[in-house]
Amino acid sequence: EAFARLADPTLGRIPITWTLLSPDLGPLSIRYKDGSSQYWCGIQVIDHRNPVARLEIQVGGTFRALDRTSYNYFLSPDGSGCGSAIRITDIYGEALTIPALPVRPSATQRTAVQFSRH
């Protein structure tokens, strides 16, 4: 439907230009996936102003990067760090640290931080 608003769909492809926007949003939120516990953990970042490039969780005294899934959760397959501090980095290199949050699967937990506008 969106393509049809730009051009005749039979064209298949058309040249376009676009600009990434940093929308004016409130603080970002964190959601732990259903089933998250000390043994397995999935973390999703919601309402982030800029695209997220990296998510790390604090394990001991260091931060460990988590892999992103195709369904947009970052996973700690062994559960380590679940419920500890989270560091999120956007595509511009800005890093935000969120203090430890309780592991409440499926609950959206609003934070006090948000990425800068670009």
N, C-alpha and C. Protein backbone atom coordinates (compact mmCIF):
# COMPACT_ATOMS: atom_id res chain seq x y z
N GLU A 1 0.81 -1.19 0.00
CA GLU A 1 0.00 0.00 0.00
C GLU A 1 0.86 1.26 0.00
N ALA A 2 1.95 1.23 0.77
CA ALA A 2 2.80 2.42 0.82
C ALA A 2 3.46 2.66 -0.53
N PHE A 3 3.91 1.60 -1.18
CA PHE A 3 4.55 1.76 -2.49
C PHE A 3 3.58 2.39 -3.48
N ALA A 4 2.34 1.95 -3.46
CA ALA A 4 1.34 2.48 -4.38
C ALA A 4 1.12 3.99 -4.18
N ARG A 5 1.41 4.48 -3.02
CA ARG A 5 1.29 5.92 -2.78
C ARG A 5 2.45 6.68 -3.41
N LEU A 6 3.57 5.98 -3.65
CA LEU A 6 4.74 6.61 -4.24
C LEU A 6 4.79 6.48 -5.76
N ALA A 7 4.35 5.31 -6.27
CA ALA A 7 4.46 5.05 -7.71
C ALA A 7 3.54 3.90 -8.10
N ASP A 8 3.44 3.65 -9.37
CA ASP A 8 2.67 2.52 -9.88
C ASP A 8 3.37 1.23 -9.44
N PRO A 9 2.67 0.35 -8.74
CA PRO A 9 3.28 -0.89 -8.24
C PRO A 9 3.90 -1.77 -9.33
N THR A 10 3.47 -1.61 -10.59
CA THR A 10 4.05 -2.44 -11.66
C THR A 10 5.50 -2.05 -11.96
N LEU A 11 5.95 -0.89 -11.48
CA LEU A 11 7.34 -0.47 -11.68
C LEU A 11 8.30 -1.34 -10.88
N GLY A 12 7.86 -1.89 -9.79
CA GLY A 12 8.70 -2.79 -8.98
C GLY A 12 9.70 -2.06 -8.11
N ARG A 13 10.51 -1.23 -8.70
CA ARG A 13 11.52 -0.45 -7.98
C ARG A 13 11.52 0.97 -8.51
N ILE A 14 11.77 1.90 -7.58
CA ILE A 14 11.91 3.30 -7.97
C ILE A 14 13.05 3.90 -7.16
N PRO A 15 13.72 4.91 -7.69
CA PRO A 15 14.77 5.57 -6.91
C PRO A 15 14.14 6.44 -5.82
N ILE A 16 14.67 6.32 -4.63
CA ILE A 16 14.19 7.13 -3.51
C ILE A 16 15.38 7.62 -2.70
N THR A 17 15.14 8.62 -1.89
CA THR A 17 16.09 9.03 -0.86
C THR A 17 15.30 9.13 0.44
N TRP A 18 15.97 8.89 1.53
CA TRP A 18 15.30 8.96 2.82
C TRP A 18 16.29 9.43 3.86
N THR A 19 15.75 9.88 4.98
CA THR A 19 16.54 10.38 6.09
C THR A 19 16.06 9.70 7.37
N LEU A 20 17.01 9.22 8.15
CA LEU A 20 16.68 8.62 9.44
C LEU A 20 16.36 9.74 10.42
N LEU A 21 15.22 9.64 11.10
CA LEU A 21 14.80 10.66 12.05
C LEU A 21 15.01 10.17 13.48
N SER A 22 15.24 11.09 14.37
CA SER A 22 15.30 10.80 15.81
C SER A 22 14.04 11.40 16.41
N PRO A 23 12.96 10.63 16.50
CA PRO A 23 11.69 11.21 16.96
C PRO A 23 11.75 11.67 18.40
N ASP A 24 10.86 12.59 18.71
CA ASP A 24 10.76 13.12 20.06
C ASP A 24 9.95 12.15 20.90
N LEU A 25 10.63 11.31 21.67
CA LEU A 25 9.99 10.30 22.50
C LEU A 25 10.34 10.52 23.96
N GLY A 26 9.53 9.95 24.83
CA GLY A 26 9.85 9.96 26.25
C GLY A 26 10.95 8.94 26.53
N PRO A 27 11.15 8.58 27.76
CA PRO A 27 12.19 7.60 28.11
C PRO A 27 11.95 6.25 27.44
N LEU A 28 13.03 5.54 27.16
CA LEU A 28 12.88 4.20 26.58
C LEU A 28 12.46 3.20 27.66
N SER A 29 12.00 2.05 27.23
CA SER A 29 11.53 1.00 28.13
C SER A 29 12.25 -0.31 27.84
N ILE A 30 12.22 -1.19 28.81
CA ILE A 30 12.82 -2.53 28.72
C ILE A 30 11.72 -3.56 28.95
N ARG A 31 11.77 -4.64 28.17
CA ARG A 31 10.84 -5.75 28.38
C ARG A 31 11.65 -7.06 28.39
N TYR A 32 11.45 -7.85 29.45
CA TYR A 32 12.02 -9.20 29.51
C TYR A 32 11.04 -10.15 28.85
N LYS A 33 11.55 -11.02 28.00
CA LYS A 33 10.71 -11.97 27.28
C LYS A 33 10.10 -13.01 28.21
N ASP A 34 8.92 -13.52 27.82
CA ASP A 34 8.31 -14.63 28.56
C ASP A 34 9.34 -15.73 28.75
N GLY A 35 9.40 -16.28 29.94
CA GLY A 35 10.33 -17.37 30.23
C GLY A 35 11.67 -16.90 30.75
N SER A 36 11.91 -15.59 30.78
CA SER A 36 13.20 -15.09 31.28
C SER A 36 13.35 -15.44 32.76
N SER A 37 14.56 -15.86 33.11
CA SER A 37 14.87 -16.24 34.50
C SER A 37 16.37 -16.21 34.67
N GLN A 38 16.85 -16.74 35.78
CA GLN A 38 18.29 -16.82 36.02
C GLN A 38 18.95 -17.84 35.10
N TYR A 39 18.17 -18.63 34.36
CA TYR A 39 18.71 -19.69 33.50
C TYR A 39 18.67 -19.36 32.01
N TRP A 40 17.83 -18.41 31.62
CA TRP A 40 17.70 -17.98 30.22
C TRP A 40 17.04 -16.62 30.25
N CYS A 41 17.50 -15.72 29.37
CA CYS A 41 17.00 -14.35 29.45
C CYS A 41 16.94 -13.71 28.06
N GLY A 42 15.80 -13.08 27.77
CA GLY A 42 15.64 -12.29 26.56
C GLY A 42 15.25 -10.87 26.93
N ILE A 43 15.92 -9.87 26.34
CA ILE A 43 15.69 -8.47 26.68
C ILE A 43 15.39 -7.69 25.41
N GLN A 44 14.33 -6.87 25.46
CA GLN A 44 13.97 -6.03 24.32
C GLN A 44 13.97 -4.57 24.76
N VAL A 45 14.48 -3.71 23.88
CA VAL A 45 14.47 -2.26 24.13
C VAL A 45 13.30 -1.68 23.33
N ILE A 46 12.48 -0.87 23.98
CA ILE A 46 11.27 -0.32 23.37
C ILE A 46 11.32 1.20 23.43
N ASP A 47 10.76 1.85 22.42
CA ASP A 47 10.65 3.32 22.36
C ASP A 47 12.01 4.01 22.39
N HIS A 48 12.99 3.42 21.71
CA HIS A 48 14.30 4.06 21.61
C HIS A 48 14.29 5.05 20.46
N ARG A 49 14.86 6.20 20.68
CA ARG A 49 14.86 7.29 19.71
C ARG A 49 15.69 6.95 18.47
N ASN A 50 16.80 6.29 18.67
CA ASN A 50 17.71 5.92 17.57
C ASN A 50 17.85 4.41 17.52
N PRO A 51 18.20 3.86 16.36
CA PRO A 51 18.38 2.42 16.26
C PRO A 51 19.44 1.90 17.24
N VAL A 52 19.13 0.78 17.86
CA VAL A 52 20.04 0.17 18.83
C VAL A 52 21.07 -0.68 18.08
N ALA A 53 22.34 -0.44 18.38
CA ALA A 53 23.42 -1.20 17.76
C ALA A 53 23.91 -2.33 18.66
N ARG A 54 23.78 -2.16 19.98
CA ARG A 54 24.38 -3.12 20.91
C ARG A 54 23.66 -3.07 22.25
N LEU A 55 23.52 -4.24 22.88
CA LEU A 55 22.99 -4.31 24.23
C LEU A 55 23.92 -5.20 25.03
N GLU A 56 24.32 -4.70 26.21
CA GLU A 56 25.21 -5.45 27.09
C GLU A 56 24.58 -5.55 28.47
N ILE A 57 24.89 -6.63 29.17
CA ILE A 57 24.43 -6.79 30.55
C ILE A 57 25.65 -6.94 31.44
N GLN A 58 25.48 -6.48 32.67
CA GLN A 58 26.59 -6.54 33.62
C GLN A 58 26.64 -7.94 34.24
N VAL A 59 27.80 -8.54 34.10
CA VAL A 59 28.06 -9.85 34.70
C VAL A 59 29.31 -9.69 35.53
N GLY A 60 29.17 -9.80 36.84
CA GLY A 60 30.30 -9.49 37.71
C GLY A 60 30.58 -8.00 37.60
N GLY A 61 31.82 -7.64 37.35
CA GLY A 61 32.19 -6.24 37.24
C GLY A 61 32.32 -5.75 35.81
N THR A 62 31.96 -6.58 34.82
CA THR A 62 32.13 -6.18 33.42
C THR A 62 30.81 -6.32 32.67
N PHE A 63 30.75 -5.65 31.52
CA PHE A 63 29.59 -5.75 30.65
C PHE A 63 29.87 -6.75 29.54
N ARG A 64 28.87 -7.59 29.25
CA ARG A 64 28.98 -8.62 28.22
C ARG A 64 27.91 -8.36 27.17
N ALA A 65 28.33 -8.32 25.90
CA ALA A 65 27.40 -8.09 24.79
C ALA A 65 26.53 -9.31 24.56
N LEU A 66 25.25 -9.05 24.25
CA LEU A 66 24.32 -10.12 23.92
C LEU A 66 24.03 -10.11 22.42
N ASP A 67 23.74 -11.27 21.88
CA ASP A 67 23.37 -11.38 20.47
C ASP A 67 21.91 -11.01 20.29
N ARG A 68 21.62 -10.34 19.17
CA ARG A 68 20.24 -9.96 18.85
C ARG A 68 19.61 -11.06 18.00
N THR A 69 18.36 -11.35 18.28
CA THR A 69 17.62 -12.35 17.51
C THR A 69 16.88 -11.67 16.36
N SER A 70 16.36 -12.46 15.45
CA SER A 70 15.57 -11.93 14.35
C SER A 70 14.24 -11.37 14.84
N TYR A 71 13.82 -11.76 16.05
CA TYR A 71 12.57 -11.23 16.61
C TYR A 71 12.83 -10.08 17.59
N ASN A 72 14.02 -9.48 17.49
CA ASN A 72 14.40 -8.23 18.15
C ASN A 72 14.52 -8.31 19.68
N TYR A 73 14.92 -9.44 20.19
CA TYR A 73 15.31 -9.57 21.60
C TYR A 73 16.80 -9.87 21.62
N PHE A 74 17.46 -9.40 22.65
CA PHE A 74 18.86 -9.74 22.90
C PHE A 74 18.86 -10.87 23.91
N LEU A 75 19.62 -11.95 23.63
CA LEU A 75 19.54 -13.15 24.46
C LEU A 75 20.79 -13.41 25.27
N SER A 76 20.55 -13.83 26.52
CA SER A 76 21.57 -14.40 27.39
C SER A 76 21.17 -15.86 27.55
N PRO A 77 21.73 -16.76 26.72
CA PRO A 77 21.28 -18.14 26.71
C PRO A 77 21.45 -18.88 28.03
N ASP A 78 22.41 -18.44 28.85
CA ASP A 78 22.61 -19.12 30.14
C ASP A 78 22.01 -18.32 31.30
N GLY A 79 21.37 -17.19 30.99
CA GLY A 79 20.71 -16.38 32.01
C GLY A 79 21.63 -15.47 32.80
N SER A 80 22.94 -15.58 32.58
CA SER A 80 23.85 -14.74 33.37
C SER A 80 23.59 -13.27 33.07
N GLY A 81 23.58 -12.47 34.11
CA GLY A 81 23.35 -11.04 33.98
C GLY A 81 21.89 -10.64 33.94
N CYS A 82 20.99 -11.61 33.89
CA CYS A 82 19.56 -11.29 33.83
C CYS A 82 19.16 -10.57 35.12
N GLY A 83 18.61 -9.37 34.98
CA GLY A 83 18.23 -8.58 36.14
C GLY A 83 19.31 -7.64 36.64
N SER A 84 20.45 -7.62 35.95
CA SER A 84 21.52 -6.70 36.35
C SER A 84 21.47 -5.44 35.50
N ALA A 85 22.45 -4.57 35.65
CA ALA A 85 22.50 -3.33 34.87
C ALA A 85 22.60 -3.67 33.38
N ILE A 86 22.01 -2.79 32.56
CA ILE A 86 21.99 -2.96 31.10
C ILE A 86 22.63 -1.72 30.48
N ARG A 87 23.51 -1.95 29.50
CA ARG A 87 24.09 -0.83 28.73
C ARG A 87 23.64 -0.99 27.28
N ILE A 88 23.05 0.08 26.75
CA ILE A 88 22.53 0.08 25.39
C ILE A 88 23.29 1.14 24.60
N THR A 89 23.74 0.78 23.40
CA THR A 89 24.47 1.71 22.55
C THR A 89 23.72 1.87 21.24
N ASP A 90 23.54 3.12 20.79
CA ASP A 90 22.85 3.36 19.53
C ASP A 90 23.84 3.39 18.36
N ILE A 91 23.34 3.57 17.15
CA ILE A 91 24.19 3.54 15.96
C ILE A 91 25.15 4.72 15.90
N TYR A 92 24.94 5.74 16.72
CA TYR A 92 25.82 6.90 16.76
C TYR A 92 26.91 6.75 17.82
N GLY A 93 26.88 5.67 18.58
CA GLY A 93 27.90 5.42 19.60
C GLY A 93 27.54 5.90 20.99
N GLU A 94 26.36 6.49 21.16
CA GLU A 94 25.94 6.94 22.48
C GLU A 94 25.54 5.72 23.32
N ALA A 95 26.09 5.62 24.51
CA ALA A 95 25.80 4.49 25.40
C ALA A 95 25.02 4.98 26.62
N LEU A 96 23.94 4.27 26.93
CA LEU A 96 23.12 4.56 28.10
C LEU A 96 23.19 3.37 29.04
N THR A 97 23.32 3.62 30.33
CA THR A 97 23.33 2.54 31.31
C THR A 97 22.08 2.63 32.16
N ILE A 98 21.38 1.52 32.24
CA ILE A 98 20.15 1.42 33.03
C ILE A 98 20.47 0.59 34.26
N PRO A 99 20.18 1.11 35.44
CA PRO A 99 20.41 0.31 36.65
C PRO A 99 19.59 -0.98 36.61
N ALA A 100 19.97 -1.93 37.44
CA ALA A 100 19.29 -3.23 37.49
C ALA A 100 17.78 -3.06 37.61
N LEU A 101 17.06 -3.86 36.82
CA LEU A 101 15.60 -3.88 36.85
C LEU A 101 15.14 -5.28 37.28
N PRO A 102 14.02 -5.37 37.96
CA PRO A 102 13.52 -6.70 38.31
C PRO A 102 13.13 -7.46 37.03
N VAL A 103 13.33 -8.76 37.03
CA VAL A 103 12.95 -9.58 35.89
C VAL A 103 11.46 -9.87 36.00
N ARG A 104 10.68 -9.14 35.20
CA ARG A 104 9.22 -9.30 35.18
C ARG A 104 8.83 -9.59 33.74
N PRO A 105 8.84 -10.88 33.33
CA PRO A 105 8.57 -11.23 31.94
C PRO A 105 7.27 -10.61 31.42
N SER A 106 7.37 -10.10 30.21
CA SER A 106 6.27 -9.47 29.46
C SER A 106 5.84 -8.11 29.98
N ALA A 107 6.38 -7.66 31.09
CA ALA A 107 6.04 -6.33 31.62
C ALA A 107 6.94 -5.29 30.97
N THR A 108 6.36 -4.17 30.56
CA THR A 108 7.13 -3.07 30.01
C THR A 108 7.56 -2.17 31.17
N GLN A 109 8.88 -2.01 31.31
CA GLN A 109 9.43 -1.23 32.42
C GLN A 109 10.07 0.05 31.87
N ARG A 110 9.46 1.15 32.17
CA ARG A 110 9.96 2.45 31.70
C ARG A 110 11.21 2.83 32.46
N THR A 111 12.17 3.41 31.77
CA THR A 111 13.42 3.85 32.41
C THR A 111 13.42 5.37 32.52
N ALA A 112 14.54 5.93 32.92
CA ALA A 112 14.67 7.38 33.02
C ALA A 112 15.62 7.93 31.96
N VAL A 113 15.95 7.12 30.93
CA VAL A 113 16.95 7.55 29.95
C VAL A 113 16.40 7.47 28.52
N GLN A 114 17.03 8.25 27.65
CA GLN A 114 16.70 8.24 26.23
C GLN A 114 17.91 8.76 25.45
N PHE A 115 18.10 8.26 24.23
CA PHE A 115 19.20 8.72 23.38
C PHE A 115 19.00 10.17 22.96
N SER A 116 20.10 10.85 22.65
CA SER A 116 20.04 12.23 22.13
C SER A 116 19.47 12.24 20.72
N ARG A 117 18.90 13.37 20.35
CA ARG A 117 18.38 13.54 18.97
C ARG A 117 19.54 13.76 18.02
N HIS A 118 19.39 13.25 16.82
CA HIS A 118 20.39 13.45 15.75
C HIS A 118 19.71 13.93 14.49
